[in-house]
Amino acid sequence: CRDQIGLDDQPAAIAKMKTGVRIINCARGGLIVEADLVAALKSGKVAGAGIDVFEVEPAENNELFGMENVVATPHLGASTAEAQENVALQVAEQMSDYLLKGAVSNAINMPSITAEEAPRLKPFVKLAEVLGAFVGQVTEDPIKEVEILFDGSTATMNTRALISATLAGLIRPQVSDVNMVSAPIMVKERGIIVAEVKRDKSGVFDGYIKLTVTTEHRTRSIAGTCFSDGKPRFIQIKGINLDAEVGQHMLYTTNADAPGIIGLLGTVCGENGVNIANFQLGRNRPGGDAIALLYLDAPFPENVLDQLRAHKSIDSAKPLHFDVGVA
């Protein structure tokens, strides 16, 4: 917005300021009404001013330049016509790099990503977002702490970008318009503690990401990796190892490991016209805790979900939705 600071009725009018105020503008030309600033400098209302940007640029003739109580420096990005052209070209090139290569250069509020690391980082950014989205969709209580573990090759990547993606996925169920830029700020505003852990390769995978989220009542964890096809995969949920792809529409259930669970899930789905496209199971030990991931053609109906939860064999049942488009 232009003409925000002047002598008349602007929101932050010079007349309302304390006598002897000093004004610095290195943000945007035109924020200060320069004619009013000159008058205030002459009257002593404004004791001094530092100006880096001007109403008209390149600034060639300006009454502010000859005043003893003004320090003026050239706006390097617009001091010449050539500079203006070069700045415009630089912005266009950086936008082109982001859109075509995924590179982020000189961003103020987002981790920088070079064109060289973008192809390697891209699938893991998607993975990080998916891990956050999984936990965000199954967690109902307010989150207190978040730990993100980078194991093996992921520890050498640009983890700032991976953390931002994880947090975006984690809080998107509550804040639909969150993104990688705003997520770290929103998480901080909610008082959530975020811890990053890096370690050398410790298992069969070259690298993986593990997310652990703590609420007042429980702790949840999930781990995932990307194989050569670049697709994210779940490799551990609730401490239970498995190998599961990510589907658009899924159902996640937990239960004690006992006979009849697969039949129960199939029967409830079949009786209600819910088609199961795929099925993944996992357990920590015979007779211990077990989980199931059902891949569906459409969102799991709420009324069928109530039926499933009513069975004493099912500890919990949560519908899941993931954006499985290209990262």
Protein backbone atom coordinates (compact mmCIF):
# COMPACT_ATOMS: atom_id res chain seq x y z
CA CYS A 1 0.00 0.00 0.00
CA ARG A 2 1.23 3.48 -0.82
CA ASP A 3 0.94 6.74 1.15
CA GLN A 4 0.58 5.04 4.54
CA ILE A 5 2.59 7.64 6.49
CA GLY A 6 1.85 11.33 6.01
CA LEU A 7 0.57 14.49 7.71
CA ASP A 8 -3.14 14.09 7.11
CA ASP A 9 -5.44 11.13 7.77
CA GLN A 10 -3.23 8.14 7.04
CA PRO A 11 -3.38 5.30 9.62
CA ALA A 12 0.07 6.13 11.01
CA ALA A 13 0.14 9.84 10.35
CA ILE A 14 3.31 11.75 11.15
CA ALA A 15 1.22 14.27 13.13
CA LYS A 16 0.38 11.56 15.65
CA MET A 17 4.03 10.66 16.27
CA LYS A 18 6.18 11.98 19.08
CA THR A 19 8.23 15.06 18.27
CA GLY A 20 11.79 14.07 17.48
CA VAL A 21 10.90 10.74 15.96
CA ARG A 22 13.30 9.20 13.49
CA ILE A 23 11.94 7.33 10.47
CA ILE A 24 13.66 4.61 8.47
CA ASN A 25 12.16 3.20 5.28
CA CYS A 26 14.00 0.40 3.55
CA ALA A 27 10.89 -1.60 2.72
CA ARG A 28 8.85 -0.09 -0.10
CA GLY A 29 8.96 3.18 -1.96
CA GLY A 30 5.81 5.21 -1.49
CA LEU A 31 4.99 3.96 2.00
CA ILE A 32 5.90 7.44 3.22
CA VAL A 33 4.48 10.56 1.55
CA GLU A 34 7.80 12.18 0.72
CA ALA A 35 6.46 15.75 0.55
CA ASP A 36 5.01 15.36 4.04
CA LEU A 37 8.26 13.85 5.29
CA VAL A 38 10.21 16.82 3.94
CA ALA A 39 7.87 19.23 5.73
CA ALA A 40 8.13 17.30 8.99
CA LEU A 41 11.94 17.22 8.76
CA LYS A 42 12.05 20.98 8.24
CA SER A 43 9.72 21.67 11.17
CA GLY A 44 11.60 19.39 13.55
CA LYS A 45 8.67 17.04 14.06
CA VAL A 46 10.86 14.34 12.53
CA ALA A 47 14.45 14.61 13.79
CA GLY A 48 15.94 12.47 11.07
CA ALA A 49 15.26 9.93 8.38
CA GLY A 50 17.04 7.08 6.67
CA ILE A 51 15.68 6.29 3.22
CA ASP A 52 16.62 3.44 0.91
CA VAL A 53 13.52 3.33 -1.31
CA PHE A 54 11.68 6.14 -3.02
CA GLU A 55 8.35 7.05 -4.62
CA VAL A 56 9.97 7.31 -8.05
CA GLU A 57 12.81 4.99 -8.99
CA PRO A 58 15.47 5.20 -10.18
CA ALA A 59 15.61 8.27 -7.92
CA GLU A 60 17.49 11.06 -9.71
CA ASN A 61 16.21 14.31 -8.21
CA ASN A 62 14.64 14.33 -4.78
CA GLU A 63 14.38 17.11 -2.19
CA LEU A 64 15.33 14.63 0.53
CA PHE A 65 18.83 14.30 -0.95
CA GLY A 66 19.91 17.79 0.09
CA MET A 67 18.72 17.69 3.69
CA GLU A 68 21.27 17.45 6.50
CA ASN A 69 19.06 15.28 8.70
CA VAL A 70 18.51 12.64 6.02
CA VAL A 71 20.68 9.65 5.18
CA ALA A 72 19.83 8.32 1.74
CA THR A 73 21.29 5.18 0.21
CA PRO A 74 20.69 3.88 -3.31
CA HIS A 75 18.05 1.22 -3.80
CA LEU A 76 20.46 -1.17 -5.48
CA GLY A 77 17.71 -3.30 -6.98
CA ALA A 78 16.26 -0.27 -8.80
CA SER A 79 19.03 2.31 -8.96
CA THR A 80 19.37 1.94 -12.72
CA ALA A 81 17.23 0.67 -15.55
CA GLU A 82 19.76 -2.14 -16.03
CA ALA A 83 19.47 -3.12 -12.38
CA GLN A 84 15.69 -3.23 -12.60
CA GLU A 85 15.93 -5.49 -15.64
CA ASN A 86 18.48 -7.78 -13.96
CA VAL A 87 16.38 -8.09 -10.80
CA ALA A 88 13.33 -9.00 -12.90
CA LEU A 89 15.37 -11.61 -14.78
CA GLN A 90 16.70 -13.07 -11.53
CA VAL A 91 13.20 -13.41 -10.09
CA ALA A 92 11.96 -15.04 -13.31
CA GLU A 93 14.89 -17.47 -13.36
CA GLN A 94 14.33 -18.43 -9.72
CA MET A 95 10.64 -19.04 -10.34
CA SER A 96 11.51 -21.11 -13.41
CA ASP A 97 13.98 -23.19 -11.37
CA TYR A 98 11.30 -23.85 -8.75
CA LEU A 99 8.58 -24.78 -11.22
CA LEU A 100 10.78 -26.92 -13.48
CA LYS A 101 13.39 -28.34 -11.08
CA GLY A 102 11.95 -27.85 -7.58
CA ALA A 103 14.83 -25.57 -6.61
CA VAL A 104 14.14 -22.85 -4.01
CA SER A 105 16.64 -19.96 -3.96
CA ASN A 106 16.88 -16.99 -1.57
CA ALA A 107 13.49 -17.65 0.04
CA ILE A 108 12.90 -15.70 3.24
CA ASN A 109 10.41 -18.07 4.86
CA MET A 110 11.18 -21.44 3.30
CA PRO A 111 14.25 -23.72 3.32
CA SER A 112 16.42 -23.30 0.25
CA ILE A 113 16.68 -26.31 -2.06
CA THR A 114 19.31 -26.45 -4.77
CA ALA A 115 18.57 -27.73 -8.27
CA GLU A 116 21.08 -30.54 -7.67
CA GLU A 117 19.44 -31.86 -4.49
CA ALA A 118 15.81 -31.33 -5.57
CA PRO A 119 15.42 -34.61 -7.56
CA ARG A 120 16.80 -36.67 -4.66
CA LEU A 121 14.83 -34.75 -2.06
CA LYS A 122 11.49 -34.63 -3.88
CA PRO A 123 10.20 -38.16 -3.10
CA PHE A 124 11.27 -37.85 0.54
CA VAL A 125 9.42 -34.54 0.88
CA LYS A 126 6.32 -36.43 -0.23
CA LEU A 127 7.13 -39.23 2.20
CA ALA A 128 7.55 -36.78 5.08
CA GLU A 129 4.20 -35.17 4.30
CA VAL A 130 2.48 -38.58 4.14
CA LEU A 131 3.93 -39.66 7.50
CA GLY A 132 2.70 -36.44 9.07
CA ALA A 133 -0.71 -36.84 7.44
CA PHE A 134 -1.09 -40.39 8.77
CA VAL A 135 -0.47 -39.39 12.38
CA GLY A 136 -2.48 -36.19 12.00
CA GLN A 137 -5.54 -38.14 10.88
CA VAL A 138 -5.44 -40.70 13.69
CA THR A 139 -4.59 -38.29 16.51
CA GLU A 140 -7.47 -36.59 18.26
CA ASP A 141 -5.81 -35.09 21.35
CA PRO A 142 -3.72 -31.89 21.22
CA ILE A 143 -0.13 -32.62 20.24
CA LYS A 144 2.56 -31.74 22.77
CA GLU A 145 5.81 -33.02 21.24
CA VAL A 146 7.06 -34.12 17.83
CA GLU A 147 10.28 -36.03 17.15
CA ILE A 148 11.48 -36.59 13.59
CA LEU A 149 14.26 -39.14 13.18
CA PHE A 150 16.38 -39.16 10.02
CA ASP A 151 18.22 -42.45 9.65
CA GLY A 152 20.99 -43.23 7.15
CA SER A 153 20.89 -41.35 3.85
CA THR A 154 17.99 -39.11 4.94
CA ALA A 155 20.24 -37.63 7.63
CA THR A 156 22.45 -36.13 4.90
CA MET A 157 19.54 -34.49 3.08
CA ASN A 158 18.08 -31.01 3.51
CA THR A 159 16.20 -31.90 6.68
CA ARG A 160 14.71 -28.42 7.11
CA ALA A 161 12.56 -29.04 4.06
CA LEU A 162 11.66 -32.52 5.28
CA ILE A 163 10.69 -31.21 8.71
CA SER A 164 8.50 -28.51 7.16
CA ALA A 165 6.74 -31.12 4.99
CA THR A 166 6.19 -33.42 7.97
CA LEU A 167 4.66 -30.65 10.05
CA ALA A 168 2.44 -29.54 7.16
CA GLY A 169 1.02 -33.05 6.82
CA LEU A 170 0.64 -33.40 10.57
CA ILE A 171 -1.56 -30.34 11.16
CA ARG A 172 -3.42 -30.27 7.82
CA PRO A 173 -6.37 -32.28 9.22
CA GLN A 174 -6.97 -29.33 11.58
CA VAL A 175 -5.79 -26.49 9.30
CA SER A 176 -6.65 -27.32 5.70
CA ASP A 177 -4.76 -24.43 4.07
CA VAL A 178 -1.43 -25.06 5.81
CA ASN A 179 1.69 -25.53 3.67
CA MET A 180 5.43 -26.05 4.05
CA VAL A 181 5.98 -22.33 4.57
CA SER A 182 3.35 -21.76 7.25
CA ALA A 183 3.50 -25.13 9.06
CA PRO A 184 6.59 -24.48 11.27
CA ILE A 185 5.11 -21.13 12.36
CA MET A 186 1.71 -22.64 13.16
CA VAL A 187 3.29 -25.49 15.10
CA LYS A 188 5.35 -23.02 17.15
CA GLU A 189 2.27 -20.89 17.85
CA ARG A 190 0.54 -23.98 19.23
CA GLY A 191 3.40 -24.55 21.66
CA ILE A 192 4.36 -27.88 20.11
CA ILE A 193 7.96 -28.92 20.79
CA VAL A 194 9.75 -30.21 17.69
CA ALA A 195 12.93 -32.28 17.98
CA GLU A 196 15.16 -33.44 15.13
CA VAL A 197 17.35 -36.52 15.46
CA LYS A 198 19.95 -37.69 12.94
CA ARG A 199 21.83 -40.98 12.99
CA ASP A 200 23.87 -43.25 10.76
CA LYS A 201 22.29 -46.18 8.96
CA SER A 202 20.98 -48.61 11.57
CA GLY A 203 18.94 -51.17 9.64
CA VAL A 204 18.28 -52.79 6.29
CA PHE A 205 17.12 -49.57 4.64
CA ASP A 206 19.57 -47.07 3.16
CA GLY A 207 17.57 -44.33 4.79
CA TYR A 208 14.20 -43.73 6.37
CA ILE A 209 12.20 -41.18 8.34
CA LYS A 210 10.48 -41.97 11.63
CA LEU A 211 7.88 -39.66 13.14
CA THR A 212 6.95 -39.88 16.82
CA VAL A 213 4.13 -37.73 18.18
CA THR A 214 3.29 -37.36 21.86
CA THR A 215 -0.02 -36.15 23.31
CA GLU A 216 -1.14 -36.02 26.93
CA HIS A 217 -2.45 -39.57 26.76
CA ARG A 218 -0.28 -41.51 24.33
CA THR A 219 2.65 -41.66 21.92
CA ARG A 220 2.30 -42.69 18.27
CA SER A 221 5.06 -43.52 15.81
CA ILE A 222 5.31 -44.30 12.12
CA ALA A 223 8.28 -44.80 9.81
CA GLY A 224 8.63 -44.79 6.06
CA THR A 225 11.05 -44.78 3.19
CA CYS A 226 11.22 -44.47 -0.60
CA PHE A 227 12.44 -47.20 -2.91
CA SER A 228 13.85 -46.81 -6.41
CA ASP A 229 10.41 -46.04 -7.84
CA GLY A 230 10.26 -42.89 -5.70
CA LYS A 231 6.96 -43.88 -4.08
CA PRO A 232 6.58 -43.50 -0.30
CA ARG A 233 6.05 -46.67 1.71
CA PHE A 234 5.17 -47.35 5.34
CA ILE A 235 7.73 -49.66 6.94
CA GLN A 236 6.66 -49.45 10.56
CA ILE A 237 3.47 -48.40 12.35
CA LYS A 238 3.03 -48.51 16.12
CA GLY A 239 6.35 -50.37 16.38
CA ILE A 240 5.07 -53.09 14.03
CA ASN A 241 7.13 -53.76 10.91
CA LEU A 242 5.39 -54.05 7.54
CA ASP A 243 5.77 -53.01 3.91
CA ALA A 244 2.78 -50.99 2.73
CA GLU A 245 2.21 -48.60 -0.14
CA VAL A 246 0.23 -45.40 0.30
CA GLY A 247 -3.30 -45.38 -1.13
CA GLN A 248 -5.72 -42.53 -1.70
CA HIS A 249 -8.49 -44.07 0.41
CA MET A 250 -7.52 -46.35 3.27
CA LEU A 251 -8.78 -47.77 6.55
CA TYR A 252 -6.44 -48.30 9.50
CA THR A 253 -7.48 -50.71 12.26
CA THR A 254 -5.83 -51.93 15.45
CA ASN A 255 -6.74 -55.08 17.34
CA ALA A 256 -5.36 -57.97 19.35
CA ASP A 257 -3.86 -60.66 17.15
CA ALA A 258 -6.59 -63.32 17.11
CA PRO A 259 -8.35 -65.59 14.61
CA GLY A 260 -11.26 -64.15 12.68
CA ILE A 261 -10.21 -60.51 12.31
CA ILE A 262 -9.60 -60.73 8.56
CA GLY A 263 -12.94 -62.45 8.14
CA LEU A 264 -14.68 -59.82 10.26
CA LEU A 265 -13.26 -56.94 8.21
CA GLY A 266 -14.13 -58.66 4.94
CA THR A 267 -17.65 -59.50 6.06
CA VAL A 268 -18.50 -56.01 7.31
CA CYS A 269 -17.14 -54.45 4.12
CA GLY A 270 -18.83 -56.99 1.85
CA GLU A 271 -22.23 -56.66 3.50
CA ASN A 272 -22.12 -52.90 3.04
CA GLY A 273 -20.82 -52.80 -0.53
CA VAL A 274 -17.33 -51.58 0.38
CA ASN A 275 -14.77 -53.00 -2.05
CA ILE A 276 -11.33 -53.84 -0.66
CA ALA A 277 -8.68 -53.29 -3.32
CA ASN A 278 -5.78 -54.50 -1.21
CA PHE A 279 -4.97 -55.59 2.33
CA GLN A 280 -1.83 -55.29 4.50
CA LEU A 281 -1.40 -56.85 7.93
CA GLY A 282 1.21 -56.66 10.66
CA ARG A 283 1.73 -57.80 14.24
CA ASN A 284 4.44 -57.46 16.84
CA ARG A 285 4.19 -61.10 18.05
CA PRO A 286 1.73 -64.01 17.99
CA GLY A 287 -1.25 -63.07 20.12
CA GLY A 288 0.05 -59.52 20.60
CA ASP A 289 -0.89 -56.24 18.97
CA ALA A 290 -1.93 -56.28 15.31
CA ILE A 291 -2.76 -53.70 12.68
CA ALA A 292 -4.47 -53.76 9.30
CA LEU A 293 -4.40 -51.38 6.36
CA LEU A 294 -7.27 -51.69 3.88
CA TYR A 295 -7.00 -50.05 0.46
CA LEU A 296 -10.38 -48.85 -0.81
CA ASP A 297 -11.88 -47.48 -4.01
CA ALA A 298 -13.72 -44.68 -2.17
CA PRO A 299 -13.82 -43.10 1.30
CA PHE A 300 -14.96 -45.54 3.99
CA PRO A 301 -18.64 -44.82 4.83
CA GLU A 302 -19.23 -43.35 8.29
CA ASN A 303 -22.17 -45.66 9.07
CA VAL A 304 -20.06 -48.72 8.25
CA LEU A 305 -17.28 -47.33 10.41
CA ASP A 306 -19.69 -47.24 13.37
CA GLN A 307 -20.60 -50.88 12.74
CA LEU A 308 -16.95 -51.89 12.68
CA ARG A 309 -16.11 -50.00 15.86
CA ALA A 310 -19.00 -51.69 17.64
CA HIS A 311 -17.25 -55.08 17.41
CA LYS A 312 -15.32 -55.83 20.59
CA SER A 313 -12.48 -57.38 18.56
CA ILE A 314 -11.62 -54.01 16.98
CA ASP A 315 -9.71 -51.63 19.24
CA SER A 316 -9.83 -48.71 16.81
CA ALA A 317 -10.71 -47.98 13.20
CA LYS A 318 -9.67 -44.79 11.42
CA PRO A 319 -10.37 -43.78 7.81
CA LEU A 320 -7.39 -42.24 6.00
CA HIS A 321 -7.07 -40.08 2.91
CA PHE A 322 -3.82 -39.22 1.14
CA ASP A 323 -2.98 -37.09 -1.86
CA VAL A 324 -1.23 -39.71 -3.96
CA GLY A 325 -0.55 -37.38 -6.90
CA VAL A 326 2.95 -36.73 -8.15
CA ALA A 327 5.11 -35.11 -5.46
